[in-house]
Amino acid sequence: LEQEVTNLRAAIEWCAEAEPARGLRLLAGLRQFWFLRGYLSEARAWLAALLADERAHAAEAYIRAQALVTAGLLAFHQGDLEAARKHSEAALALSRATSDTRAEVDALFNLGGVAFYQNDYAAAGTRFIDCLERYRALGALPEMALALKNLGLVAKDQGQYVLAITYFSESLTLAQQLGDRRGVAQGLFNLGVVAYWQS
């Protein structure tokens, strides 16, 4: 995809002029690409413009919900917790109104992250446990691994090291099964951090 980023930009520009609803679909569908390749500010700007475009209101509800989830995720990773909360709550309301289970759990996951970085460990833990079970029901293994990792972080930051090891180990196992090298590296790192604090 990185080799096609110029074409992706051209496609989004065309959508912004002609079919903003399609632009939302494209931006949301490439959520992990924007994050992993560092195009957070650019993607956030496009999302803000398209979500504000009245023509994009014609987009199907699930597309708008996932676009809001994406806006929330990118804001979160830039430390803009208020925007992350605002977008994720809007996604949550829309997904619940339309019974969109996947967008609902993705929005809840974002809100768990916001709670964690605000040191509200009780709320974060509750969100992530809920998300873990929902992702399990959906068979969403990569997202299960992320939820387990985040539960490990919640436990670690509260000094619950045995519980943290359990969560991190389960997350690592899933990452290994999925061939997720980034997830494996994070899992090993997190287990190393816990071992350090236990020593």
Foldseek 3Di string as FASTA:
>chain_A
DVVCVVVLVVVLVVCLVPPLLVNLQSLLVCLVVCVVVVVLVVSLVSLVSSLPDPNNVPHDLVSQLSSLLSNLVSCVVVVNLVSNLVSLVVSLVSCVVVVPLVSNLSSLQSVLSSCVVVVVLVSNLVSLVVSLVSCVVVVPLLVNLVSLQVNLVSCVVVVNLVSSLVSLVVSLVSCVVVVPPVSVVSSVVSNVVSVVVVD
